[in-house]
Amino acid sequence: MEGKAAVLGDADFVMPFAALGLDTFAVEPEAGDIAEMAGEIVKRKYALIVTTENVAEFAAGVLEETQKKATPCVVVVPFTTEPAGYATETLGKLLKMATGINILAD
């Protein structure tokens, strides 16, 4: 599959991805416009969206709807803050869609 990748997170997270040539979108984790930025990224038809756990929580509505589709693939990763479990929960949902079972369940 061909396509572009977008990276959404704070400036420290997106900077290395920018050096690799990916499209990066730096946002402040407390900003109210994170969901709007995530919506704009989805509209641009990226094949992959990588975001941090703390940012993904603010854009949950947009990203959860997107994850029900084949593309873009949304990858949520923990970053500089203590993991809150949102990244693991999101990965569990993706694995359940792919395999039919929740292999991360306790």
N, C-alpha and C. Protein backbone atom coordinates (compact mmCIF):
# COMPACT_ATOMS: atom_id res chain seq x y z
N MET A 1 0.85 -1.17 0.00
CA MET A 1 0.00 0.00 0.00
C MET A 1 0.89 1.23 0.00
N GLU A 2 0.55 2.18 -0.79
CA GLU A 2 1.27 3.44 -0.82
C GLU A 2 0.47 4.48 -0.09
N GLY A 3 1.16 5.43 0.46
CA GLY A 3 0.49 6.52 1.13
C GLY A 3 1.44 7.26 2.02
N LYS A 4 0.97 8.40 2.48
CA LYS A 4 1.78 9.24 3.34
C LYS A 4 1.45 8.97 4.79
N ALA A 5 2.39 9.35 5.65
CA ALA A 5 2.20 9.19 7.09
C ALA A 5 2.16 10.56 7.74
N ALA A 6 1.31 10.69 8.75
CA ALA A 6 1.20 11.92 9.52
C ALA A 6 1.52 11.59 10.97
N VAL A 7 2.16 12.54 11.64
CA VAL A 7 2.50 12.37 13.04
C VAL A 7 1.91 13.55 13.81
N LEU A 8 1.10 13.23 14.82
CA LEU A 8 0.40 14.24 15.62
C LEU A 8 0.85 14.11 17.06
N GLY A 9 1.37 15.19 17.62
CA GLY A 9 1.82 15.16 19.01
C GLY A 9 2.47 16.47 19.37
N ASP A 10 3.10 16.50 20.55
CA ASP A 10 3.78 17.74 20.92
C ASP A 10 5.07 17.87 20.13
N ALA A 11 5.67 19.03 20.19
CA ALA A 11 6.84 19.33 19.36
C ALA A 11 8.00 18.37 19.58
N ASP A 12 8.23 17.95 20.82
CA ASP A 12 9.32 17.02 21.10
C ASP A 12 9.09 15.66 20.44
N PHE A 13 7.85 15.25 20.33
CA PHE A 13 7.53 13.95 19.73
C PHE A 13 7.65 14.00 18.21
N VAL A 14 7.14 15.04 17.59
CA VAL A 14 7.09 15.08 16.12
C VAL A 14 8.42 15.45 15.46
N MET A 15 9.33 16.10 16.20
CA MET A 15 10.58 16.57 15.61
C MET A 15 11.40 15.46 14.93
N PRO A 16 11.63 14.31 15.54
CA PRO A 16 12.41 13.27 14.84
C PRO A 16 11.71 12.76 13.58
N PHE A 17 10.39 12.73 13.58
CA PHE A 17 9.65 12.27 12.41
C PHE A 17 9.77 13.27 11.26
N ALA A 18 9.84 14.55 11.59
CA ALA A 18 10.02 15.58 10.57
C ALA A 18 11.37 15.38 9.88
N ALA A 19 12.38 15.00 10.65
CA ALA A 19 13.70 14.75 10.08
C ALA A 19 13.68 13.57 9.11
N LEU A 20 12.74 12.67 9.30
CA LEU A 20 12.59 11.52 8.40
C LEU A 20 11.74 11.85 7.17
N GLY A 21 11.20 13.05 7.12
CA GLY A 21 10.41 13.47 5.98
C GLY A 21 8.92 13.23 6.09
N LEU A 22 8.45 12.82 7.26
CA LEU A 22 7.01 12.61 7.45
C LEU A 22 6.33 13.95 7.70
N ASP A 23 5.04 14.02 7.42
CA ASP A 23 4.27 15.22 7.69
C ASP A 23 3.96 15.25 9.18
N THR A 24 4.37 16.31 9.84
CA THR A 24 4.19 16.40 11.28
C THR A 24 3.27 17.55 11.64
N PHE A 25 2.54 17.34 12.73
CA PHE A 25 1.58 18.32 13.23
C PHE A 25 1.79 18.46 14.72
N ALA A 26 2.49 19.52 15.13
CA ALA A 26 2.77 19.75 16.54
C ALA A 26 1.61 20.49 17.19
N VAL A 27 1.16 19.97 18.31
CA VAL A 27 0.07 20.59 19.06
C VAL A 27 0.43 20.56 20.54
N GLU A 28 -0.20 21.43 21.29
CA GLU A 28 -0.04 21.42 22.74
C GLU A 28 -1.07 20.45 23.31
N PRO A 29 -0.66 19.54 24.20
CA PRO A 29 -1.59 18.53 24.74
C PRO A 29 -2.83 19.11 25.42
N GLU A 30 -2.77 20.33 25.90
CA GLU A 30 -3.93 20.92 26.58
C GLU A 30 -4.83 21.70 25.62
N ALA A 31 -4.39 21.90 24.41
CA ALA A 31 -5.12 22.77 23.47
C ALA A 31 -6.48 22.17 23.09
N GLY A 32 -7.44 23.05 22.92
CA GLY A 32 -8.78 22.62 22.55
C GLY A 32 -8.93 22.32 21.07
N ASP A 33 -7.91 22.60 20.27
CA ASP A 33 -8.01 22.40 18.82
C ASP A 33 -7.41 21.07 18.36
N ILE A 34 -7.07 20.19 19.27
CA ILE A 34 -6.47 18.90 18.88
C ILE A 34 -7.45 18.08 18.05
N ALA A 35 -8.70 18.01 18.45
CA ALA A 35 -9.69 17.24 17.69
C ALA A 35 -9.87 17.83 16.30
N GLU A 36 -9.84 19.15 16.19
CA GLU A 36 -9.96 19.80 14.89
C GLU A 36 -8.77 19.45 14.00
N MET A 37 -7.56 19.47 14.57
CA MET A 37 -6.35 19.12 13.82
C MET A 37 -6.41 17.66 13.38
N ALA A 38 -6.87 16.78 14.26
CA ALA A 38 -7.00 15.36 13.90
C ALA A 38 -7.99 15.19 12.76
N GLY A 39 -9.08 15.94 12.78
CA GLY A 39 -10.05 15.89 11.70
C GLY A 39 -9.46 16.33 10.37
N GLU A 40 -8.64 17.37 10.41
CA GLU A 40 -7.98 17.85 9.19
C GLU A 40 -7.01 16.79 8.65
N ILE A 41 -6.30 16.13 9.55
CA ILE A 41 -5.37 15.08 9.13
C ILE A 41 -6.13 13.94 8.46
N VAL A 42 -7.25 13.55 9.03
CA VAL A 42 -8.06 12.47 8.45
C VAL A 42 -8.56 12.86 7.07
N LYS A 43 -8.97 14.10 6.89
CA LYS A 43 -9.47 14.57 5.59
C LYS A 43 -8.39 14.54 4.51
N ARG A 44 -7.14 14.62 4.90
CA ARG A 44 -6.04 14.64 3.93
C ARG A 44 -5.66 13.25 3.42
N LYS A 45 -6.36 12.22 3.83
CA LYS A 45 -6.21 10.87 3.29
C LYS A 45 -4.81 10.27 3.52
N TYR A 46 -4.32 10.37 4.74
CA TYR A 46 -3.06 9.72 5.08
C TYR A 46 -3.29 8.22 5.23
N ALA A 47 -2.27 7.42 4.95
CA ALA A 47 -2.36 5.97 5.13
C ALA A 47 -2.07 5.58 6.57
N LEU A 48 -1.26 6.39 7.26
CA LEU A 48 -0.86 6.10 8.64
C LEU A 48 -0.87 7.39 9.44
N ILE A 49 -1.46 7.31 10.63
CA ILE A 49 -1.43 8.43 11.57
C ILE A 49 -0.83 7.90 12.86
N VAL A 50 0.27 8.51 13.28
CA VAL A 50 0.92 8.16 14.54
C VAL A 50 0.68 9.32 15.50
N THR A 51 0.23 9.01 16.71
CA THR A 51 -0.04 10.04 17.69
C THR A 51 0.33 9.56 19.08
N THR A 52 0.52 10.50 19.97
CA THR A 52 0.85 10.16 21.34
C THR A 52 -0.42 9.90 22.14
N GLU A 53 -0.24 9.14 23.19
CA GLU A 53 -1.37 8.76 24.03
C GLU A 53 -2.10 9.97 24.61
N ASN A 54 -1.34 10.94 25.11
CA ASN A 54 -1.99 12.10 25.73
C ASN A 54 -2.72 12.97 24.73
N VAL A 55 -2.24 13.04 23.49
CA VAL A 55 -2.91 13.81 22.45
C VAL A 55 -4.12 13.04 21.91
N ALA A 56 -3.99 11.74 21.76
CA ALA A 56 -5.07 10.91 21.23
C ALA A 56 -6.31 10.97 22.10
N GLU A 57 -6.13 11.12 23.39
CA GLU A 57 -7.29 11.20 24.28
C GLU A 57 -8.15 12.43 23.97
N PHE A 58 -7.52 13.54 23.58
CA PHE A 58 -8.27 14.75 23.23
C PHE A 58 -8.97 14.60 21.87
N ALA A 59 -8.45 13.72 21.02
CA ALA A 59 -9.01 13.52 19.68
C ALA A 59 -9.73 12.19 19.57
N ALA A 60 -10.11 11.61 20.69
CA ALA A 60 -10.69 10.27 20.72
C ALA A 60 -11.88 10.12 19.78
N GLY A 61 -12.78 11.07 19.74
CA GLY A 61 -13.96 10.96 18.89
C GLY A 61 -13.60 10.81 17.43
N VAL A 62 -12.71 11.63 16.95
CA VAL A 62 -12.29 11.59 15.55
C VAL A 62 -11.51 10.31 15.26
N LEU A 63 -10.57 9.98 16.13
CA LEU A 63 -9.70 8.83 15.87
C LEU A 63 -10.44 7.49 16.01
N GLU A 64 -11.35 7.38 16.96
CA GLU A 64 -12.10 6.13 17.11
C GLU A 64 -12.97 5.87 15.89
N GLU A 65 -13.57 6.89 15.34
CA GLU A 65 -14.37 6.72 14.12
C GLU A 65 -13.48 6.31 12.96
N THR A 66 -12.30 6.87 12.90
CA THR A 66 -11.35 6.56 11.84
C THR A 66 -10.85 5.13 11.94
N GLN A 67 -10.67 4.63 13.15
CA GLN A 67 -10.13 3.29 13.35
C GLN A 67 -11.09 2.19 12.91
N LYS A 68 -12.33 2.53 12.66
CA LYS A 68 -13.29 1.54 12.17
C LYS A 68 -13.13 1.29 10.68
N LYS A 69 -12.31 2.10 10.02
CA LYS A 69 -12.09 1.98 8.58
C LYS A 69 -10.74 1.33 8.32
N ALA A 70 -10.56 0.84 7.10
CA ALA A 70 -9.30 0.18 6.75
C ALA A 70 -8.13 1.16 6.74
N THR A 71 -8.35 2.33 6.23
CA THR A 71 -7.30 3.35 6.26
C THR A 71 -7.90 4.66 6.72
N PRO A 72 -7.19 5.46 7.40
CA PRO A 72 -5.80 5.30 7.77
C PRO A 72 -5.65 4.40 8.99
N CYS A 73 -4.48 3.81 9.11
CA CYS A 73 -4.15 3.05 10.31
C CYS A 73 -3.71 4.07 11.36
N VAL A 74 -4.33 4.03 12.52
CA VAL A 74 -4.00 4.97 13.60
C VAL A 74 -3.22 4.21 14.66
N VAL A 75 -2.00 4.67 14.93
CA VAL A 75 -1.15 4.05 15.94
C VAL A 75 -0.99 5.04 17.08
N VAL A 76 -1.39 4.63 18.28
CA VAL A 76 -1.29 5.46 19.47
C VAL A 76 -0.15 4.92 20.32
N VAL A 77 0.80 5.77 20.65
CA VAL A 77 1.96 5.33 21.43
C VAL A 77 2.11 6.19 22.69
N PRO A 78 2.57 5.58 23.78
CA PRO A 78 2.89 6.39 24.96
C PRO A 78 4.13 7.21 24.67
N PHE A 79 4.29 8.34 25.36
CA PHE A 79 5.48 9.16 25.12
C PHE A 79 6.07 9.59 26.45
N THR A 80 6.24 10.87 26.67
CA THR A 80 6.99 11.33 27.84
C THR A 80 6.23 11.25 29.16
N THR A 81 4.95 11.12 29.10
CA THR A 81 4.18 11.06 30.34
C THR A 81 4.01 9.60 30.77
N GLU A 82 3.61 9.41 31.99
CA GLU A 82 3.32 8.07 32.50
C GLU A 82 2.18 7.48 31.67
N PRO A 83 2.35 6.27 31.12
CA PRO A 83 1.27 5.69 30.32
C PRO A 83 -0.03 5.59 31.12
N ALA A 84 -1.11 6.01 30.49
CA ALA A 84 -2.42 5.99 31.14
C ALA A 84 -3.24 4.77 30.73
N GLY A 85 -2.70 3.96 29.84
CA GLY A 85 -3.42 2.77 29.39
C GLY A 85 -4.22 2.98 28.12
N TYR A 86 -4.31 4.22 27.66
CA TYR A 86 -5.09 4.50 26.46
C TYR A 86 -4.47 3.86 25.23
N ALA A 87 -3.15 3.87 25.13
CA ALA A 87 -2.47 3.26 23.98
C ALA A 87 -2.70 1.76 23.96
N THR A 88 -2.62 1.12 25.11
CA THR A 88 -2.86 -0.32 25.20
C THR A 88 -4.31 -0.66 24.88
N GLU A 89 -5.23 0.14 25.36
CA GLU A 89 -6.65 -0.06 25.08
C GLU A 89 -6.92 0.05 23.58
N THR A 90 -6.33 1.06 22.95
CA THR A 90 -6.51 1.26 21.51
C THR A 90 -5.93 0.10 20.72
N LEU A 91 -4.73 -0.34 21.11
CA LEU A 91 -4.11 -1.49 20.44
C LEU A 91 -4.98 -2.73 20.61
N GLY A 92 -5.55 -2.93 21.79
CA GLY A 92 -6.43 -4.07 22.02
C GLY A 92 -7.64 -4.06 21.09
N LYS A 93 -8.22 -2.88 20.87
CA LYS A 93 -9.37 -2.77 19.96
C LYS A 93 -8.97 -3.12 18.53
N LEU A 94 -7.80 -2.65 18.11
CA LEU A 94 -7.33 -2.96 16.75
C LEU A 94 -7.07 -4.45 16.59
N LEU A 95 -6.44 -5.05 17.59
CA LEU A 95 -6.16 -6.49 17.53
C LEU A 95 -7.45 -7.31 17.53
N LYS A 96 -8.46 -6.84 18.26
CA LYS A 96 -9.74 -7.55 18.27
C LYS A 96 -10.41 -7.48 16.90
N MET A 97 -10.32 -6.32 16.24
CA MET A 97 -10.88 -6.21 14.89
C MET A 97 -10.14 -7.12 13.93
N ALA A 98 -8.84 -7.23 14.10
CA ALA A 98 -8.03 -8.03 13.18
C ALA A 98 -8.16 -9.53 13.42
N THR A 99 -8.27 -9.92 14.68
CA THR A 99 -8.25 -11.36 15.00
C THR A 99 -9.59 -11.91 15.47
N GLY A 100 -10.47 -11.04 15.91
CA GLY A 100 -11.76 -11.50 16.43
C GLY A 100 -11.75 -11.75 17.93
N ILE A 101 -10.57 -11.69 18.54
CA ILE A 101 -10.47 -11.88 20.00
C ILE A 101 -9.62 -10.76 20.59
N ASN A 102 -9.83 -10.49 21.85
CA ASN A 102 -9.02 -9.48 22.54
C ASN A 102 -7.87 -10.19 23.24
N ILE A 103 -6.73 -10.26 22.58
CA ILE A 103 -5.61 -11.01 23.12
C ILE A 103 -4.90 -10.26 24.24
N LEU A 104 -5.25 -9.01 24.47
CA LEU A 104 -4.65 -8.24 25.55
C LEU A 104 -5.50 -8.24 26.80
N ALA A 105 -6.66 -8.90 26.78
CA ALA A 105 -7.55 -8.92 27.94
C ALA A 105 -6.93 -9.68 29.08
N ASP A 106 -7.24 -9.23 30.29
CA ASP A 106 -6.72 -9.91 31.49
C ASP A 106 -7.35 -11.27 31.65
